Amino acid sequence: MPKKLADTLPDRIMAKIDLRPEGTTRTLLAKVFSNEVSPRSLARILERLAGNGRIRVQGAGRATRYVSAPRPPQSENDIHADRPPLVAQTEAESDVPLSGDSETLRSWIRRPLMQRHPVGYDRSLLDNYRPNETFYLSDEKQRERLHEIGQPPFDRRPAGTYARDIYNRLLIDLSWASSRLEGNTYTKVDTANLIEHNRVAEGRDRLETRMILNHKQAIEFLIEDRENIGFNMHTFMNLHAMLAEDLLDNSGAAGRLRTEIVEISGTVYRPLANPPLIAELFHIILGKAAAILDPFEQAFFLMVHIPYLQPFIDVNKRVSRLAANIPFIRDNLCPLSFIDVPERAYVDGTIVIYEHGRVDLLRDVFIWAYERSCKAFKAVAGKLPTPDPFRLKYRAELAEVVADIVRAGSPIDTSAIRPLAAKLVSAEDLPRFLKMTLDELRNLHEGNIARYRLRLAEFRAWRGMLQ
C-alpha cells in the first residue's frame, strides 16, 4: 500500500521554498523530505503548487529551480498600509537579537514582491562611505567587545597562526556553514568526511559536493598564501575562481568580473548592467576596504558591498563571506565561520541592503555570528597543545621540503631530505629539522595533505612508489 503523505507536507515544502528567495531544486527538497515522500510524489506536489500559483518554475532539466510566487494581498487595505504587520520569528531566527529598526525593515522586505517597488543600485551607499570616518558598526563599545572576544587564547603570534592552529576545524565549519547558507544539504559529519577523507556523501548531488570542495580550496588559499592575500584583484579573482569552479554555466566567467545582466530571485532589486561601471565600483570597494583600519568594520564592509554590487555572474555572497575572514586571518583574530547562522535571517539581512540600502539587520546577524564563532573556536583552541616554537619557526620550510619530497617521489629517508633542508635551515637546527620532517612524512595521509598544498593525485602516486 502506498505510504500516506502527511496533510501538512505541501505547506512544509512550501515553507522550505520560502526560505530560499533565489529558489531551490527538487534534489535539495528530496534530501530534506527523504523520509516522508518519494521523488515521484514530491514531483506531483511541486506540480500542484505550481498549478495553484504558489510557486514559479524557472529553468529546465537539472537547472530547474522552484521559487515562491508573489502572494496577492488579502484586502485593499493591505496594499495601501503604511506599515505591514510584523512577521513572527521562527525559533531559529529568535536566537539573533534584533536592534533598532531591524524588525521593521525585515517586515518590509517580507511583503509580497508585488507590494515592493523595484529598485536599482544606489551608488551613494558606496560614495558616502568614508573609511575610518563612516562606521557601519557604529557602536564603539560594541566594536571594542568584538575585539575582546576575538582575541586568541594565547600570546600574540605571526599572522595566520590562529587560523592555522584551528585549521581543520575552520575548513570543516566554514565550508559546511557557508555552503548551508546556499541551500547545500551536506551535514557537518558528511562535510568532515569529504574534507578529511575525500569520502563523498551517499546520494548527494554532484554540485553540492563540488561546492564543499571549492570552499575547502578557497579557505586553504586564504591561509596558506597569506603573504599575497589582501584587498586586491589577485585575491578576489582567485577567490571567486576557486569558489565557482565547475559551478557556472560559463566556466570562463570564473575569476572574472561579470559582463552580463543578472537577476536575483526573491527581491525587487535589479543589479547594475554596465560592465565598465561594475569594474570601476569594484575597484573602489577594494580601495575603501583596504583603507579601513578596524578589522571588524572591514569584514562587514565587504559583506555589505560585494553582494550589493554583484560584481560576479554568481557566487558573490560566498566570496563576501570568505573575504570577510581576510582581516581576521591577518590580525590573528578568531575567524568567522557562520556556524549556526539562520539561513532566513542572513538572506533577509542581505535583501534589506538590496532594497533599502540599510545595514541594520545584516549587522545584527554579523555580530551574533561572530560571537557564536568565537565560542566554538575557543572551545577547540582551549584543548590544543601548546605549539612547538621550533615548528612555528620553520613551518614554511617544513611545508616546502615535505611537498618537494612527495612530488619528486623520494623515499622517507634522511639522505633525500638533507640536501633540500640544508638550503633552508641553519646548520645548528638541521638535525632537529631532519627528525621533524621524517616524522611529518611518516604521518602524512590524505586528511592532512592540504597544509602542504599537495593534490590527492600527487600524494597517492608517491605512496604507490613507496610500497
Protein backbone atom coordinates (compact mmCIF):
# COMPACT_ATOMS: atom_id res chain seq x y z
CA MET A 1 0.00 0.00 0.00
CA PRO A 2 1.39 3.43 -0.88
CA LYS A 3 2.63 5.46 2.05
CA LYS A 4 0.08 8.06 3.19
CA LEU A 5 1.50 11.56 2.96
CA ALA A 6 1.01 13.97 5.85
CA ASP A 7 -1.62 16.61 5.18
CA THR A 8 0.85 19.30 6.24
CA LEU A 9 3.57 18.16 3.85
CA PRO A 10 2.78 20.57 0.95
CA ASP A 11 2.78 23.52 3.35
CA ARG A 12 6.09 22.43 4.88
CA ILE A 13 7.61 22.02 1.41
CA MET A 14 6.29 25.48 0.59
CA ALA A 15 7.88 26.84 3.78
CA LYS A 16 11.24 25.40 2.74
CA ILE A 17 10.94 27.04 -0.68
CA ASP A 18 10.07 30.34 1.03
CA LEU A 19 13.41 30.20 2.87
CA ARG A 20 15.30 30.42 -0.42
CA PRO A 21 14.38 33.67 -2.22
CA GLU A 22 16.65 32.69 -5.12
CA GLY A 23 14.88 29.35 -5.45
CA THR A 24 15.68 25.74 -4.64
CA THR A 25 15.96 22.48 -6.58
CA ARG A 26 13.98 19.29 -6.45
CA THR A 27 17.16 17.46 -5.45
CA LEU A 28 17.59 19.59 -2.34
CA LEU A 29 13.92 19.23 -1.40
CA ALA A 30 14.16 15.47 -1.87
CA LYS A 31 17.05 15.35 0.61
CA VAL A 32 15.18 17.37 3.22
CA PHE A 33 11.99 15.31 2.96
CA SER A 34 13.58 11.97 2.06
CA ASN A 35 11.87 10.17 4.96
CA GLU A 36 8.41 11.49 4.13
CA VAL A 37 7.93 11.49 0.39
CA SER A 38 9.20 9.63 -2.68
CA PRO A 39 10.79 11.60 -5.56
CA ARG A 40 7.74 10.87 -7.72
CA SER A 41 5.27 12.09 -5.08
CA LEU A 42 7.44 15.17 -4.48
CA ALA A 43 7.28 15.96 -8.19
CA ARG A 44 3.47 15.76 -8.09
CA ILE A 45 3.29 18.07 -5.06
CA LEU A 46 5.52 20.60 -6.80
CA GLU A 47 3.33 20.42 -9.90
CA ARG A 48 0.25 21.14 -7.78
CA LEU A 49 1.95 24.04 -6.01
CA ALA A 50 2.87 25.49 -9.39
CA GLY A 51 -0.62 24.89 -10.74
CA ASN A 52 -2.11 26.68 -7.73
CA GLY A 53 0.15 29.65 -8.35
CA ARG A 54 2.05 29.23 -5.08
CA ILE A 55 5.43 28.69 -6.77
CA ARG A 56 7.10 29.56 -10.05
CA VAL A 57 9.22 27.12 -12.04
CA GLN A 58 12.42 28.54 -13.53
CA GLY A 59 14.81 26.82 -15.93
CA ALA A 60 14.59 23.28 -17.25
CA GLY A 61 16.13 19.87 -16.67
CA ARG A 62 18.78 19.71 -13.94
CA ALA A 63 18.80 23.52 -13.79
CA THR A 64 15.12 23.70 -12.76
CA ARG A 65 14.51 25.79 -9.66
CA TYR A 66 11.34 26.41 -7.66
CA VAL A 67 10.71 29.95 -6.41
CA SER A 68 7.96 31.33 -4.20
CA ALA A 69 5.39 33.18 -6.28
CA PRO A 70 4.25 36.65 -5.17
CA ARG A 71 1.27 36.37 -2.83
CA PRO A 72 -1.71 38.59 -3.63
CA PRO A 73 -2.74 40.95 -0.83
CA GLN A 74 -5.57 39.83 1.42
CA SER A 75 -7.52 43.02 1.06
CA GLU A 76 -7.45 46.53 -0.35
CA ASN A 77 -6.16 47.78 2.99
CA ASP A 78 -3.08 45.55 2.74
CA ILE A 79 -1.99 47.28 -0.48
CA HIS A 80 -2.09 50.76 0.97
CA ALA A 81 -0.93 50.03 4.51
CA ASP A 82 1.87 52.36 5.57
CA ARG A 83 3.44 49.65 7.68
CA PRO A 84 2.95 45.92 7.08
CA PRO A 85 2.28 43.63 10.04
CA LEU A 86 5.39 42.19 11.62
CA VAL A 87 6.20 38.61 10.67
CA ALA A 88 6.55 36.20 13.55
CA GLN A 89 10.06 34.92 14.13
CA THR A 90 10.83 31.26 13.78
CA GLU A 91 12.55 29.57 16.70
CA ALA A 92 15.92 29.69 14.89
CA GLU A 93 15.60 33.36 13.99
CA SER A 94 14.75 34.34 17.55
CA ASP A 95 18.31 33.42 18.52
CA VAL A 96 19.53 36.52 16.66
CA PRO A 97 18.64 39.58 18.76
CA LEU A 98 17.38 42.46 16.64
CA SER A 99 18.19 46.10 17.35
CA GLY A 100 16.83 49.45 16.27
CA ASP A 101 14.77 49.28 13.07
CA SER A 102 15.83 45.75 12.12
CA GLU A 103 12.46 44.17 12.85
CA THR A 104 10.58 46.81 10.90
CA LEU A 105 12.96 46.55 7.95
CA ARG A 106 12.58 42.79 7.93
CA SER A 107 8.82 43.07 7.86
CA TRP A 108 9.04 45.39 4.84
CA ILE A 109 11.12 43.02 2.72
CA ARG A 110 8.88 40.07 3.65
CA ARG A 111 5.92 41.64 1.94
CA PRO A 112 4.89 40.05 -1.37
CA LEU A 113 7.07 41.21 -4.25
CA MET A 114 4.13 42.94 -5.91
CA GLN A 115 3.85 45.30 -2.94
CA ARG A 116 7.52 46.33 -3.09
CA HIS A 117 8.87 48.93 -5.51
CA PRO A 118 11.65 47.81 -7.90
CA VAL A 119 14.98 49.47 -7.11
CA GLY A 120 18.39 49.62 -8.74
CA TYR A 121 21.92 50.04 -7.49
CA ASP A 122 22.37 53.20 -5.42
CA ARG A 123 25.95 54.38 -5.81
CA SER A 124 25.61 56.86 -2.96
CA LEU A 125 25.83 53.99 -0.44
CA LEU A 126 29.43 53.47 -1.55
CA ASP A 127 30.31 57.08 -2.38
CA ASN A 128 29.13 58.34 1.02
CA TYR A 129 31.25 55.82 2.91
CA ARG A 130 34.49 57.38 4.18
CA PRO A 131 36.91 54.84 5.68
CA ASN A 132 37.58 55.43 9.38
CA GLU A 133 35.02 58.23 9.47
CA THR A 134 31.91 56.29 8.47
CA PHE A 135 31.14 53.19 10.56
CA TYR A 136 28.53 50.58 9.76
CA LEU A 137 29.42 49.08 13.15
CA SER A 138 28.66 52.44 14.70
CA ASP A 139 28.67 51.43 18.36
CA GLU A 140 32.27 51.91 19.53
CA LYS A 141 31.72 49.82 22.66
CA GLN A 142 30.36 47.03 20.50
CA ARG A 143 33.49 47.11 18.33
CA GLU A 144 35.64 47.02 21.45
CA ARG A 145 33.72 43.97 22.64
CA LEU A 146 34.27 42.22 19.30
CA HIS A 147 38.00 42.90 19.59
CA GLU A 148 37.97 41.50 23.10
CA ILE A 149 36.16 38.25 22.32
CA GLY A 150 38.09 37.82 19.06
CA GLN A 151 41.48 37.60 20.75
CA PRO A 152 43.05 34.12 20.55
CA PRO A 153 43.56 32.31 23.87
CA PHE A 154 47.34 32.66 23.72
CA ASP A 155 50.09 35.24 23.28
CA ARG A 156 50.45 37.17 20.04
CA ARG A 157 51.96 35.16 17.20
CA PRO A 158 52.61 35.67 13.48
CA ALA A 159 49.67 36.50 11.20
CA GLY A 160 47.54 33.50 10.35
CA THR A 161 48.71 31.48 13.37
CA TYR A 162 45.28 31.26 14.99
CA ALA A 163 43.65 30.16 11.75
CA ARG A 164 46.36 27.51 11.28
CA ASP A 165 46.04 26.25 14.85
CA ILE A 166 42.36 25.51 14.26
CA TYR A 167 42.96 24.75 10.58
CA ASN A 168 40.95 21.53 10.27
CA ARG A 169 38.05 22.86 12.31
CA LEU A 170 37.94 26.03 10.20
CA LEU A 171 37.98 24.03 6.96
CA ILE A 172 35.03 21.94 8.10
CA ASP A 173 32.95 24.58 9.89
CA LEU A 174 33.28 27.37 7.33
CA SER A 175 32.92 25.05 4.32
CA TRP A 176 29.80 23.49 5.81
CA ALA A 177 28.16 26.63 7.21
CA SER A 178 28.78 28.81 4.13
CA SER A 179 27.53 26.06 1.82
CA ARG A 180 24.45 25.53 4.01
CA LEU A 181 23.55 29.20 3.52
CA GLU A 182 23.38 28.36 -0.21
CA GLY A 183 20.94 25.50 0.41
CA ASN A 184 23.54 22.72 0.44
CA THR A 185 22.23 19.63 2.28
CA TYR A 186 25.57 18.12 3.32
CA THR A 187 25.60 17.52 7.06
CA LYS A 188 28.56 18.58 9.17
CA VAL A 189 29.63 14.94 9.50
CA ASP A 190 29.36 14.49 5.72
CA THR A 191 31.48 17.60 5.26
CA ALA A 192 34.15 16.34 7.66
CA ASN A 193 34.32 13.00 5.86
CA LEU A 194 34.63 14.72 2.50
CA ILE A 195 37.33 17.16 3.62
CA GLU A 196 39.37 14.78 5.78
CA HIS A 197 38.94 11.51 3.87
CA ASN A 198 37.70 12.55 0.41
CA ARG A 199 34.57 10.48 1.09
CA VAL A 200 31.57 11.70 -0.92
CA ALA A 201 28.28 11.50 0.96
CA GLU A 202 25.95 8.89 -0.48
CA GLY A 203 23.09 10.24 -2.55
CA ARG A 204 24.32 13.82 -2.56
CA ASP A 205 24.18 15.93 -5.70
CA ARG A 206 27.50 16.40 -7.53
CA LEU A 207 27.14 20.16 -7.36
CA GLU A 208 26.75 20.04 -3.57
CA THR A 209 29.97 18.04 -3.27
CA ARG A 210 31.76 20.44 -5.58
CA MET A 211 30.57 23.43 -3.52
CA ILE A 212 32.07 21.98 -0.33
CA LEU A 213 35.39 21.17 -2.01
CA ASN A 214 35.51 24.64 -3.55
CA HIS A 215 35.14 26.19 -0.10
CA LYS A 216 37.94 24.00 1.22
CA GLN A 217 40.24 25.06 -1.60
CA ALA A 218 39.43 28.75 -1.13
CA ILE A 219 40.00 28.66 2.64
CA GLU A 220 43.35 26.93 2.14
CA PHE A 221 44.25 29.69 -0.31
CA LEU A 222 43.48 32.42 2.22
CA ILE A 223 45.53 30.80 4.97
CA GLU A 224 48.47 29.33 3.10
CA ASP A 225 49.04 32.21 0.66
CA ARG A 226 48.59 34.86 3.33
CA GLU A 227 51.69 36.85 2.23
CA ASN A 228 49.93 37.75 -1.04
CA ILE A 229 46.38 37.95 0.28
CA GLY A 230 44.79 41.37 0.58
CA PHE A 231 42.19 43.69 -0.82
CA ASN A 232 43.49 43.36 -4.36
CA MET A 233 42.36 41.87 -7.66
CA HIS A 234 44.68 38.86 -7.30
CA THR A 235 42.96 37.79 -4.09
CA PHE A 236 39.37 38.35 -5.14
CA MET A 237 39.64 36.99 -8.67
CA ASN A 238 41.31 33.81 -7.42
CA LEU A 239 38.88 33.51 -4.53
CA HIS A 240 35.96 33.68 -6.95
CA ALA A 241 37.60 31.25 -9.38
CA MET A 242 38.06 28.68 -6.62
CA LEU A 243 34.57 29.05 -5.18
CA ALA A 244 32.95 28.97 -8.63
CA GLU A 245 34.91 26.06 -10.10
CA ASP A 246 32.59 23.70 -12.04
CA LEU A 247 29.50 25.54 -10.75
CA LEU A 248 28.94 28.08 -13.53
CA ASP A 249 27.26 27.50 -16.88
CA ASN A 250 30.09 29.51 -18.43
CA SER A 251 33.33 28.25 -16.91
CA GLY A 252 35.17 31.21 -18.44
CA ALA A 253 33.32 33.54 -16.06
CA ALA A 254 35.15 32.13 -13.05
CA GLY A 255 37.64 34.65 -11.70
CA ARG A 256 36.33 37.46 -13.94
CA LEU A 257 34.07 40.44 -13.34
CA ARG A 258 30.71 39.95 -14.98
CA THR A 259 29.75 41.35 -18.35
CA GLU A 260 26.20 40.00 -18.32
CA ILE A 261 22.92 41.09 -16.75
CA VAL A 262 21.96 39.19 -13.60
CA GLU A 263 18.70 38.92 -11.72
CA ILE A 264 18.19 37.89 -8.10
CA SER A 265 15.10 35.88 -7.21
CA GLY A 266 13.05 36.85 -4.19
CA THR A 267 13.80 40.57 -4.38
CA VAL A 268 12.79 43.61 -6.41
CA TYR A 269 16.43 44.74 -6.56
CA ARG A 270 18.00 44.91 -10.03
CA PRO A 271 21.83 44.99 -10.04
CA LEU A 272 23.85 47.16 -12.39
CA ALA A 273 24.14 46.05 -16.01
CA ASN A 274 27.06 48.29 -17.09
CA PRO A 275 30.34 46.27 -17.17
CA PRO A 276 32.76 49.26 -17.13
CA LEU A 277 30.88 50.81 -14.21
CA ILE A 278 30.84 47.48 -12.37
CA ALA A 279 34.63 47.27 -12.74
CA GLU A 280 35.07 50.88 -11.58
CA LEU A 281 32.92 50.39 -8.49
CA PHE A 282 34.56 47.09 -7.62
CA HIS A 283 37.98 48.77 -7.58
CA ILE A 284 36.55 51.50 -5.36
CA ILE A 285 35.19 48.85 -2.97
CA LEU A 286 38.60 47.19 -2.71
CA GLY A 287 40.32 50.54 -2.21
CA LYS A 288 37.98 51.63 0.56
CA ALA A 289 38.14 48.21 2.22
CA ALA A 290 41.94 48.35 2.24
CA ALA A 291 41.85 51.79 3.91
CA ILE A 292 39.64 50.68 6.82
CA LEU A 293 41.68 50.19 9.98
CA ASP A 294 39.21 48.28 12.14
CA PRO A 295 39.16 44.59 11.09
CA PHE A 296 35.52 44.10 12.06
CA GLU A 297 34.34 47.15 10.15
CA GLN A 298 36.49 45.95 7.25
CA ALA A 299 34.91 42.49 7.26
CA PHE A 300 31.38 43.82 7.48
CA PHE A 301 32.01 46.41 4.76
CA LEU A 302 32.82 43.55 2.37
CA MET A 303 29.71 41.61 3.40
CA VAL A 304 27.64 44.67 2.54
CA HIS A 305 29.15 45.87 -0.72
CA ILE A 306 30.17 42.73 -2.63
CA PRO A 307 26.66 41.20 -2.71
CA TYR A 308 25.15 44.64 -3.32
CA LEU A 309 27.27 45.31 -6.40
CA GLN A 310 27.12 41.68 -7.64
CA PRO A 311 30.50 42.03 -9.43
CA PHE A 312 30.49 38.36 -10.48
CA ILE A 313 27.98 36.40 -12.51
CA ASP A 314 27.27 34.25 -9.42
CA VAL A 315 28.82 33.19 -6.08
CA ASN A 316 29.01 36.79 -4.82
CA LYS A 317 27.78 36.09 -1.27
CA ARG A 318 30.22 33.19 -0.91
CA VAL A 319 33.08 35.47 -1.95
CA SER A 320 31.97 38.07 0.60
CA ARG A 321 31.75 35.51 3.44
CA LEU A 322 35.24 34.16 2.87
CA ALA A 323 36.72 37.59 2.14
CA ALA A 324 35.32 38.77 5.48
CA ASN A 325 37.88 36.47 7.09
CA ILE A 326 40.88 38.18 5.48
CA PRO A 327 41.26 40.81 8.25
CA PHE A 328 40.77 38.18 10.94
CA ILE A 329 43.47 35.93 9.49
CA ARG A 330 45.79 38.91 9.03
CA ASP A 331 45.25 40.23 12.58
CA ASN A 332 45.33 36.81 14.24
CA LEU A 333 41.73 37.06 15.40
CA CYS A 334 39.10 34.37 15.68
CA PRO A 335 37.75 33.54 12.20
CA LEU A 336 34.10 33.97 11.24
CA SER A 337 32.67 30.56 10.38
CA PHE A 338 28.94 31.46 10.06
CA ILE A 339 28.25 28.39 12.17
CA ASP A 340 24.55 28.06 13.14
CA VAL A 341 23.57 31.30 11.34
CA PRO A 342 19.85 31.06 10.47
CA GLU A 343 19.56 31.00 6.70
CA ARG A 344 16.47 33.19 6.56
CA ALA A 345 17.97 35.84 8.85
CA TYR A 346 21.11 36.08 6.67
CA VAL A 347 19.11 36.28 3.43
CA ASP A 348 16.74 38.88 4.87
CA GLY A 349 19.68 41.00 6.05
CA THR A 350 21.13 40.98 2.55
CA ILE A 351 17.80 41.83 0.88
CA VAL A 352 17.29 44.79 3.24
CA ILE A 353 20.56 46.19 1.85
CA TYR A 354 19.42 45.49 -1.72
CA GLU A 355 16.07 47.20 -1.37
CA HIS A 356 16.60 49.83 1.34
CA GLY A 357 20.34 50.44 1.50
CA ARG A 358 20.21 49.75 5.24
CA VAL A 359 22.75 47.57 7.05
CA ASP A 360 20.85 47.22 10.35
CA LEU A 361 19.58 43.65 10.02
CA LEU A 362 22.72 42.18 8.47
CA ARG A 363 24.76 43.93 11.17
CA ASP A 364 22.73 42.14 13.87
CA VAL A 365 23.35 38.83 12.12
CA PHE A 366 27.08 39.58 11.70
CA ILE A 367 27.61 40.43 15.38
CA TRP A 368 25.64 37.38 16.56
CA ALA A 369 27.50 35.13 14.11
CA TYR A 370 30.93 36.37 15.20
CA GLU A 371 30.18 35.82 18.87
CA ARG A 372 28.95 32.31 18.02
CA SER A 373 32.10 31.54 16.02
CA CYS A 374 34.38 32.74 18.82
CA LYS A 375 32.70 30.47 21.35
CA ALA A 376 33.02 27.47 19.04
CA PHE A 377 36.65 28.04 18.06
CA LYS A 378 37.85 28.93 21.54
CA ALA A 379 36.38 25.69 22.82
CA VAL A 380 38.59 23.91 20.29
CA ALA A 381 41.66 26.09 20.81
CA GLY A 382 41.47 25.56 24.57
CA LYS A 383 42.04 21.86 24.03
CA LEU A 384 45.01 22.30 21.71
CA PRO A 385 48.54 21.56 22.95
CA THR A 386 50.98 24.45 23.23
CA PRO A 387 52.57 24.90 19.78
CA ASP A 388 56.24 23.99 19.42
CA PRO A 389 58.26 27.21 18.87
CA PHE A 390 60.72 25.32 16.65
CA ARG A 391 57.91 24.09 14.44
CA LEU A 392 56.44 27.59 14.22
CA LYS A 393 59.86 28.96 13.26
CA TYR A 394 60.30 26.51 10.40
CA ARG A 395 56.69 25.92 9.38
CA ALA A 396 57.13 27.31 5.85
CA GLU A 397 60.41 25.43 5.31
CA LEU A 398 58.86 22.20 6.55
CA ALA A 399 55.95 22.57 4.13
CA GLU A 400 58.34 23.21 1.23
CA VAL A 401 60.56 20.19 1.95
CA VAL A 402 57.64 17.80 2.52
CA ALA A 403 55.98 18.91 -0.73
CA ASP A 404 59.27 18.55 -2.66
CA ILE A 405 59.82 15.02 -1.32
CA VAL A 406 56.32 13.92 -2.31
CA ARG A 407 56.34 15.50 -5.77
CA ALA A 408 59.77 14.06 -6.53
CA GLY A 409 58.66 10.59 -5.46
CA SER A 410 61.59 10.44 -3.00
CA PRO A 411 61.77 7.94 -0.12
CA ILE A 412 61.27 8.81 3.54
CA ASP A 413 64.95 8.95 4.22
CA THR A 414 67.42 11.45 5.68
CA SER A 415 69.60 11.26 2.58
CA ALA A 416 66.72 12.57 0.45
CA ILE A 417 65.71 15.27 2.92
CA ARG A 418 69.13 16.67 3.86
CA PRO A 419 70.09 18.41 0.57
CA LEU A 420 66.71 20.13 0.44
CA ALA A 421 66.75 21.16 4.08
CA ALA A 422 70.36 22.38 4.09
CA LYS A 423 69.39 25.22 1.74
CA LEU A 424 66.66 26.46 4.08
CA VAL A 425 67.72 25.73 7.65
CA SER A 426 70.70 26.83 9.72
CA ALA A 427 73.37 24.18 10.34
CA GLU A 428 72.73 24.13 14.08
CA ASP A 429 68.99 23.49 13.57
CA LEU A 430 69.42 20.96 10.78
CA PRO A 431 69.46 17.74 12.89
CA ARG A 432 66.23 18.63 14.66
CA PHE A 433 64.63 19.76 11.40
CA LEU A 434 65.52 16.44 9.74
CA LYS A 435 63.85 14.50 12.55
CA MET A 436 60.74 16.73 12.39
CA THR A 437 60.50 16.23 8.62
CA LEU A 438 60.88 12.45 8.91
CA ASP A 439 58.07 12.35 11.48
CA GLU A 440 55.87 14.51 9.30
CA LEU A 441 56.38 12.35 6.20
CA ARG A 442 55.64 9.17 8.15
CA ASN A 443 52.40 10.68 9.44
CA LEU A 444 51.30 12.14 6.10
CA HIS A 445 47.87 10.94 4.96
CA GLU A 446 45.01 12.04 2.73
CA GLY A 447 43.40 14.00 5.52
CA ASN A 448 46.32 16.38 6.16
CA ILE A 449 47.99 16.91 2.77
CA ALA A 450 46.19 20.24 2.23
CA ARG A 451 48.54 22.03 4.60
CA TYR A 452 51.38 21.21 2.18
CA ARG A 453 49.41 22.32 -0.89
CA LEU A 454 49.59 18.78 -2.25
CA ARG A 455 46.98 17.33 -4.57
CA LEU A 456 45.45 13.97 -3.81
CA ALA A 457 46.85 12.50 -7.04
CA GLU A 458 50.39 13.59 -6.09
CA PHE A 459 50.10 12.01 -2.65
CA ARG A 460 48.71 8.72 -3.97
CA ALA A 461 51.38 8.50 -6.65
CA TRP A 462 54.08 8.98 -4.00
CA ARG A 463 52.54 6.37 -1.70
CA GLY A 464 52.40 3.95 -4.60
CA MET A 465 56.14 4.40 -5.19
CA LEU A 466 56.93 3.68 -1.54
CA GLN A 467 55.03 0.40 -1.47
